């Protein structure tokens, strides 16, 4: 286990709910936090831009009220994801809002920016930066990130191609700070596996699409329930960065998921362009969704993860004793 900042201590289970573009919203974040895991959402989900102020007020006030009523079991902290790619014209405004509400955790993606890290540190916030390889991990820490999210093969949305075993091993050779693992984690036993590899936290996203609180259309939620890893396509076509998507949504957009061209990373944009849009028309998903069998409430799913995690840990202790 790495050196964990106080903001990330005391979780019910070692899980960070990953920010889901378009889908995450205050309702989902609040339920995740109340259930004992870090809840998160992208700042860009608040549209128009002025809505972010309202959403951050809602989250902070609701969690403060919950903590006042439950001092013996307070909610977990929440996180806001900042896309720091050059096409995000809102970054300065959105970080100012995070400063205003002293957002406990900032998750930065698609570029390590010192000014973002400094902004979070100015009020005591913790920054976790997502990376797909060891080289990017070094750059993020050198620029001031507090921790890392290792986005391994099989993760939903923008994802790397490295085995989690290789990625975690290489990072842990030099970094002992907070480290989360993303990639096909959807069960309590998978959470324990992430810890066994050297991660401090599991980073779980796709299963939360199939929750009542998620701002996803019913067809998307049902596709998560009905699909398995065989239905996931890895492509750079839709945003210019390689990611994992549901084949049924690609077919529905009139494309052949087995014959997709590559895309130019320089063309990546979060603006409307008239083409099938990633996340809205082309649905992102990780490979772990075979474990999701029904649409449930976020709290109910987290309670299930907790039961599975405890059972897996007890089973591992029992089996390990056979080799002592």
Protein backbone atom coordinates (compact mmCIF):
# COMPACT_ATOMS: atom_id res chain seq x y z
CA UNK A 1 0.00 0.00 0.00
CA UNK A 2 1.20 3.51 -0.80
CA UNK A 3 1.25 6.59 1.41
CA UNK A 4 -2.41 7.65 1.48
CA UNK A 5 -3.49 11.30 1.98
CA UNK A 6 -6.12 11.83 4.67
CA UNK A 7 -8.72 12.72 2.03
CA UNK A 8 -8.54 9.17 0.72
CA UNK A 9 -8.57 7.37 4.04
CA UNK A 10 -11.56 5.79 5.75
CA UNK A 11 -13.40 4.54 2.68
CA UNK A 12 -15.84 1.67 3.22
CA UNK A 13 -14.04 -0.22 0.46
CA UNK A 14 -10.98 0.93 -1.50
CA UNK A 15 -12.87 2.17 -4.55
CA UNK A 16 -12.97 5.38 -6.57
CA UNK A 17 -15.96 5.73 -8.85
CA UNK A 18 -14.54 6.95 -12.15
CA UNK A 19 -15.98 10.07 -13.79
CA UNK A 20 -18.29 9.14 -16.68
CA UNK A 21 -18.57 11.73 -19.43
CA UNK A 22 -22.21 12.87 -19.86
CA UNK A 23 -23.42 10.14 -17.46
CA UNK A 24 -22.11 11.16 -14.02
CA UNK A 25 -24.17 13.78 -12.20
CA UNK A 26 -24.62 15.08 -8.64
CA UNK A 27 -27.22 12.42 -7.82
CA UNK A 28 -24.82 9.60 -8.70
CA UNK A 29 -21.84 11.26 -7.01
CA UNK A 30 -23.78 11.82 -3.79
CA UNK A 31 -25.00 8.21 -3.66
CA UNK A 32 -21.49 6.89 -4.27
CA UNK A 33 -20.09 9.03 -1.46
CA UNK A 34 -22.87 8.12 0.98
CA UNK A 35 -22.21 4.45 0.25
CA UNK A 36 -18.56 4.88 1.22
CA UNK A 37 -16.58 5.22 -2.00
CA UNK A 38 -15.17 8.28 -3.75
CA UNK A 39 -17.81 9.60 -6.14
CA UNK A 40 -16.76 11.65 -9.11
CA UNK A 41 -17.93 13.43 -12.24
CA UNK A 42 -16.33 15.41 -15.08
CA UNK A 43 -16.62 19.18 -14.77
CA UNK A 44 -17.62 19.19 -18.44
CA UNK A 45 -20.85 17.34 -17.62
CA UNK A 46 -22.26 20.58 -16.22
CA UNK A 47 -23.70 22.40 -19.23
CA UNK A 48 -24.06 25.32 -19.56
CA UNK A 49 -20.85 26.24 -17.77
CA UNK A 50 -22.75 28.14 -15.06
CA UNK A 51 -24.37 24.87 -13.95
CA UNK A 52 -21.11 23.66 -12.41
CA UNK A 53 -21.46 26.21 -9.60
CA UNK A 54 -24.95 24.88 -8.81
CA UNK A 55 -23.86 21.26 -8.96
CA UNK A 56 -20.87 21.75 -6.66
CA UNK A 57 -23.08 23.59 -4.19
CA UNK A 58 -25.59 20.73 -4.30
CA UNK A 59 -22.94 18.05 -3.71
CA UNK A 60 -21.14 19.86 -0.89
CA UNK A 61 -24.35 20.85 0.91
CA UNK A 62 -25.93 17.42 0.60
CA UNK A 63 -22.83 15.61 1.86
CA UNK A 64 -22.38 18.10 4.71
CA UNK A 65 -25.99 17.52 5.80
CA UNK A 66 -25.49 13.75 5.58
CA UNK A 67 -22.30 13.91 7.67
CA UNK A 68 -24.03 16.01 10.33
CA UNK A 69 -26.67 13.29 10.70
CA UNK A 70 -24.17 10.42 10.50
CA UNK A 71 -21.05 11.46 12.43
CA UNK A 72 -20.12 7.82 13.09
CA UNK A 73 -20.21 6.93 9.39
CA UNK A 74 -19.53 10.02 7.28
CA UNK A 75 -19.66 10.06 3.52
CA UNK A 76 -16.55 9.54 1.43
CA UNK A 77 -15.06 12.60 -0.30
CA UNK A 78 -15.92 13.47 -3.88
CA UNK A 79 -13.78 14.21 -6.91
CA UNK A 80 -14.09 16.38 -10.00
CA UNK A 81 -12.44 15.33 -13.25
CA UNK A 82 -10.74 18.01 -15.32
CA UNK A 83 -9.95 17.33 -18.98
CA UNK A 84 -6.82 19.41 -19.55
CA UNK A 85 -6.63 18.88 -23.31
CA UNK A 86 -6.16 22.07 -25.34
CA UNK A 87 -9.72 21.87 -26.72
CA UNK A 88 -11.21 22.35 -23.24
CA UNK A 89 -11.83 26.10 -23.16
CA UNK A 90 -13.53 25.87 -19.76
CA UNK A 91 -10.57 24.62 -17.74
CA UNK A 92 -9.67 27.91 -16.03
CA UNK A 93 -13.29 28.61 -15.06
CA UNK A 94 -13.92 25.07 -13.87
CA UNK A 95 -10.80 25.01 -11.70
CA UNK A 96 -11.88 28.33 -10.19
CA UNK A 97 -15.16 26.66 -9.20
CA UNK A 98 -13.23 23.78 -7.65
CA UNK A 99 -11.23 26.29 -5.64
CA UNK A 100 -14.43 28.03 -4.53
CA UNK A 101 -15.90 24.80 -3.15
CA UNK A 102 -12.56 23.28 -2.09
CA UNK A 103 -13.20 20.07 -4.01
CA UNK A 104 -11.30 17.40 -2.03
CA UNK A 105 -9.96 15.46 -5.02
CA UNK A 106 -9.16 16.53 -8.57
CA UNK A 107 -8.77 13.86 -11.26
CA UNK A 108 -6.85 15.23 -14.23
CA UNK A 109 -6.88 13.61 -17.65
CA UNK A 110 -5.33 13.98 -21.11
CA UNK A 111 -2.32 16.01 -20.05
CA UNK A 112 -0.40 16.88 -16.89
CA UNK A 113 -0.64 20.62 -16.20
CA UNK A 114 1.29 22.21 -13.34
CA UNK A 115 -1.20 25.07 -13.00
CA UNK A 116 -4.03 22.59 -12.39
CA UNK A 117 -2.03 20.81 -9.69
CA UNK A 118 -1.08 24.12 -8.08
CA UNK A 119 -4.69 25.31 -8.11
CA UNK A 120 -5.83 22.20 -6.22
CA UNK A 121 -2.93 22.40 -3.77
CA UNK A 122 -3.73 26.05 -3.01
CA UNK A 123 -6.71 24.97 -0.88
CA UNK A 124 -5.42 21.55 0.24
CA UNK A 125 -6.89 19.42 -2.55
CA UNK A 126 -5.40 16.14 -3.72
CA UNK A 127 -4.69 15.52 -7.40
CA UNK A 128 -4.82 12.09 -9.03
CA UNK A 129 -3.68 11.97 -12.65
CA UNK A 130 -4.63 9.15 -15.00
CA UNK A 131 -1.89 7.57 -17.10
CA UNK A 132 -1.61 4.72 -19.59
CA UNK A 133 2.11 4.02 -19.24
CA UNK A 134 5.08 4.48 -16.93
CA UNK A 135 6.52 7.36 -18.94
CA UNK A 136 3.38 9.47 -18.47
CA UNK A 137 3.35 8.48 -14.80
CA UNK A 138 6.83 9.95 -14.27
CA UNK A 139 5.84 13.18 -16.03
CA UNK A 140 2.72 13.62 -13.90
CA UNK A 141 4.52 13.17 -10.60
CA UNK A 142 7.40 15.39 -11.72
CA UNK A 143 4.88 18.16 -12.45
CA UNK A 144 3.23 17.88 -9.05
CA UNK A 145 0.47 15.26 -9.09
CA UNK A 146 -0.10 13.59 -5.71
CA UNK A 147 -1.17 10.22 -7.05
CA UNK A 148 -1.81 8.18 -10.16
CA UNK A 149 -4.61 6.27 -11.82
CA UNK A 150 -3.15 3.46 -13.90
CA UNK A 151 -5.53 3.04 -16.83
CA UNK A 152 -4.77 -0.46 -18.05
CA UNK A 153 -6.10 -2.63 -20.86
CA UNK A 154 -9.82 -3.24 -20.67
CA UNK A 155 -10.77 0.06 -19.05
CA UNK A 156 -13.85 1.88 -20.30
CA UNK A 157 -13.61 4.94 -22.50
CA UNK A 158 -10.08 6.24 -23.14
CA UNK A 159 -7.85 3.35 -22.12
CA UNK A 160 -4.33 2.06 -22.41
CA UNK A 161 -3.16 -1.23 -23.85
CA UNK A 162 -0.83 -2.35 -21.04
CA UNK A 163 -1.50 -5.34 -18.84
CA UNK A 164 -2.33 -4.18 -15.30
CA UNK A 165 0.39 -6.50 -14.00
CA UNK A 166 3.05 -4.74 -16.07
CA UNK A 167 1.74 -1.22 -15.49
CA UNK A 168 1.38 -1.48 -11.70
CA UNK A 169 4.70 -3.29 -11.36
CA UNK A 170 6.64 -0.61 -13.25
CA UNK A 171 5.02 2.28 -11.40
CA UNK A 172 5.54 0.69 -7.99
CA UNK A 173 9.27 0.32 -8.65
CA UNK A 174 9.65 4.05 -7.98
CA UNK A 175 6.35 5.48 -6.69
CA UNK A 176 4.91 4.76 -3.24
CA UNK A 177 2.10 7.33 -3.29
CA UNK A 178 -1.62 6.75 -3.86
CA UNK A 179 -2.23 4.53 -6.86
CA UNK A 180 -5.55 3.41 -8.34
CA UNK A 181 -6.03 0.76 -11.00
CA UNK A 182 -8.56 1.03 -13.81
CA UNK A 183 -9.46 -1.79 -16.17
CA UNK A 184 -12.25 -4.38 -16.10
CA UNK A 185 -12.92 -4.11 -12.35
CA UNK A 186 -16.55 -4.85 -11.54
CA UNK A 187 -16.53 -7.26 -8.57
CA UNK A 188 -15.30 -7.35 -5.00
CA UNK A 189 -12.74 -10.01 -5.83
CA UNK A 190 -11.35 -7.80 -8.62
CA UNK A 191 -10.93 -4.97 -6.09
CA UNK A 192 -8.89 -7.29 -3.88
CA UNK A 193 -6.86 -8.38 -6.91
CA UNK A 194 -5.99 -4.76 -7.66
CA UNK A 195 -4.65 -4.40 -4.13
CA UNK A 196 -2.72 -7.65 -4.39
CA UNK A 197 -0.95 -6.27 -7.47
CA UNK A 198 0.13 -3.18 -5.55
CA UNK A 199 -2.64 -0.66 -6.16
CA UNK A 200 -4.29 1.14 -3.26
CA UNK A 201 -7.66 1.58 -4.94
CA UNK A 202 -9.83 0.10 -7.64
CA UNK A 203 -11.17 2.62 -10.15
CA UNK A 204 -14.62 1.51 -11.28
CA UNK A 205 -16.73 3.19 -13.96
CA UNK A 206 -18.72 1.12 -16.44
CA UNK A 207 -20.85 -0.77 -13.86
CA UNK A 208 -22.22 2.56 -12.62
CA UNK A 209 -23.70 3.24 -16.04
CA UNK A 210 -26.27 0.55 -15.21
CA UNK A 211 -27.55 2.33 -12.11
CA UNK A 212 -30.76 4.23 -11.55
CA UNK A 213 -28.88 7.43 -10.71
CA UNK A 214 -26.76 7.47 -13.87
CA UNK A 215 -27.70 9.98 -16.56
CA UNK A 216 -27.67 7.39 -19.34
CA UNK A 217 -30.49 6.42 -21.67
CA UNK A 218 -32.25 3.16 -20.90
CA UNK A 219 -30.81 1.52 -24.01
CA UNK A 220 -27.28 2.22 -22.81
CA UNK A 221 -27.98 0.81 -19.36
CA UNK A 222 -29.53 -2.32 -20.85
CA UNK A 223 -26.59 -2.75 -23.21
CA UNK A 224 -24.25 -2.81 -20.20
CA UNK A 225 -26.39 -5.53 -18.62
CA UNK A 226 -26.65 -7.64 -21.78
CA UNK A 227 -23.08 -7.30 -23.08
CA UNK A 228 -19.80 -9.03 -22.22
CA UNK A 229 -16.15 -8.42 -23.04
CA UNK A 230 -16.79 -9.90 -26.50
CA UNK A 231 -18.89 -6.83 -27.28
CA UNK A 232 -16.13 -4.30 -26.58
CA UNK A 233 -14.24 -2.64 -29.45
CA UNK A 234 -10.93 -0.79 -28.97
CA UNK A 235 -10.63 2.12 -31.41
CA UNK A 236 -9.18 5.63 -31.81
CA UNK A 237 -11.74 6.63 -34.46
CA UNK A 238 -14.20 8.54 -32.33
CA UNK A 239 -11.99 10.96 -30.36
CA UNK A 240 -8.48 10.50 -31.73
CA UNK A 241 -7.45 8.65 -28.55
CA UNK A 242 -7.80 4.88 -28.28
CA UNK A 243 -10.71 3.76 -26.16
CA UNK A 244 -13.17 0.94 -25.51
CA UNK A 245 -16.72 1.10 -26.85
CA UNK A 246 -19.82 -1.08 -27.08
CA UNK A 247 -20.12 -2.74 -30.49
CA UNK A 248 -23.96 -2.51 -30.56
CA UNK A 249 -23.77 1.30 -30.40
CA UNK A 250 -21.21 1.36 -33.22
CA UNK A 251 -23.49 -0.77 -35.38
CA UNK A 252 -26.46 1.47 -34.54
CA UNK A 253 -24.45 4.43 -35.86
CA UNK A 254 -24.12 2.67 -39.23
CA UNK A 255 -20.50 1.58 -38.80
CA UNK A 256 -18.85 -1.84 -38.91
CA UNK A 257 -17.17 -2.44 -35.53
CA UNK A 258 -14.88 -5.02 -37.13
CA UNK A 259 -13.57 -2.59 -39.75
CA UNK A 260 -13.04 0.81 -38.18
CA UNK A 261 -10.36 3.15 -39.56
CA UNK A 262 -7.82 4.81 -37.30
CA UNK A 263 -8.12 8.48 -36.40
CA UNK A 264 -5.68 11.37 -36.23
CA UNK A 265 -5.02 12.29 -32.56
CA UNK A 266 -4.66 15.94 -33.60
CA UNK A 267 -8.33 15.93 -34.56
CA UNK A 268 -9.51 15.07 -31.05
CA UNK A 269 -12.16 17.46 -29.84
CA UNK A 270 -14.95 17.74 -27.31
CA UNK A 271 -16.98 19.96 -29.62
CA UNK A 272 -19.99 19.03 -31.72
CA UNK A 273 -18.94 18.07 -35.26
CA UNK A 274 -22.00 16.51 -36.87
CA UNK A 275 -20.57 12.98 -36.76
CA UNK A 276 -21.58 10.14 -34.42
CA UNK A 277 -20.32 11.43 -31.08
CA UNK A 278 -18.33 9.42 -28.59
CA UNK A 279 -20.19 8.90 -25.29
CA UNK A 280 -23.52 10.18 -26.65
CA UNK A 281 -23.98 8.02 -29.77
CA UNK A 282 -20.99 5.71 -29.42
CA UNK A 283 -21.18 4.25 -25.93
CA UNK A 284 -18.00 3.74 -23.91
CA UNK A 285 -17.58 0.67 -21.76
CA UNK A 286 -14.90 -1.44 -20.12
CA UNK A 287 -14.42 -5.17 -20.51
CA UNK A 288 -15.63 -6.07 -17.02
CA UNK A 289 -19.33 -5.62 -17.72
CA UNK A 290 -20.00 -9.36 -17.97
CA UNK A 291 -20.38 -9.20 -14.18
CA UNK A 292 -23.29 -6.73 -14.41
CA UNK A 293 -26.59 -8.60 -14.54
CA UNK A 294 -29.19 -5.93 -13.78
CA UNK A 295 -29.80 -2.21 -13.42
CA UNK A 296 -29.68 -1.31 -9.72
CA UNK A 297 -29.20 1.64 -7.43
CA UNK A 298 -25.62 2.82 -6.95
CA UNK A 299 -25.80 2.18 -3.21
CA UNK A 300 -27.08 -1.33 -3.78
CA UNK A 301 -24.26 -2.09 -6.20
CA UNK A 302 -21.63 -0.73 -3.78
CA UNK A 303 -23.10 -2.84 -0.95
CA UNK A 304 -22.73 -5.88 -3.22
CA UNK A 305 -19.11 -4.95 -3.93
CA UNK A 306 -18.51 -4.70 -0.18
CA UNK A 307 -19.94 -8.17 0.47
CA UNK A 308 -17.90 -9.67 -2.36
CA UNK A 309 -14.74 -7.90 -1.23
CA UNK A 310 -15.04 -9.16 2.35
CA UNK A 311 -15.80 -12.71 1.16
CA UNK A 312 -12.87 -12.68 -1.28
CA UNK A 313 -10.49 -11.45 1.41
CA UNK A 314 -11.60 -14.17 3.83
CA UNK A 315 -11.29 -16.80 1.11
CA UNK A 316 -7.79 -15.62 0.22
CA UNK A 317 -6.68 -15.83 3.85
CA UNK A 318 -8.01 -19.38 4.06
CA UNK A 319 -6.33 -20.49 0.85
CA UNK A 320 -3.07 -18.73 1.68
CA UNK A 321 -2.81 -20.63 4.95
CA UNK A 322 -2.44 -23.83 2.95
CA UNK A 323 0.95 -22.63 1.68
CA UNK A 324 2.36 -21.44 4.99
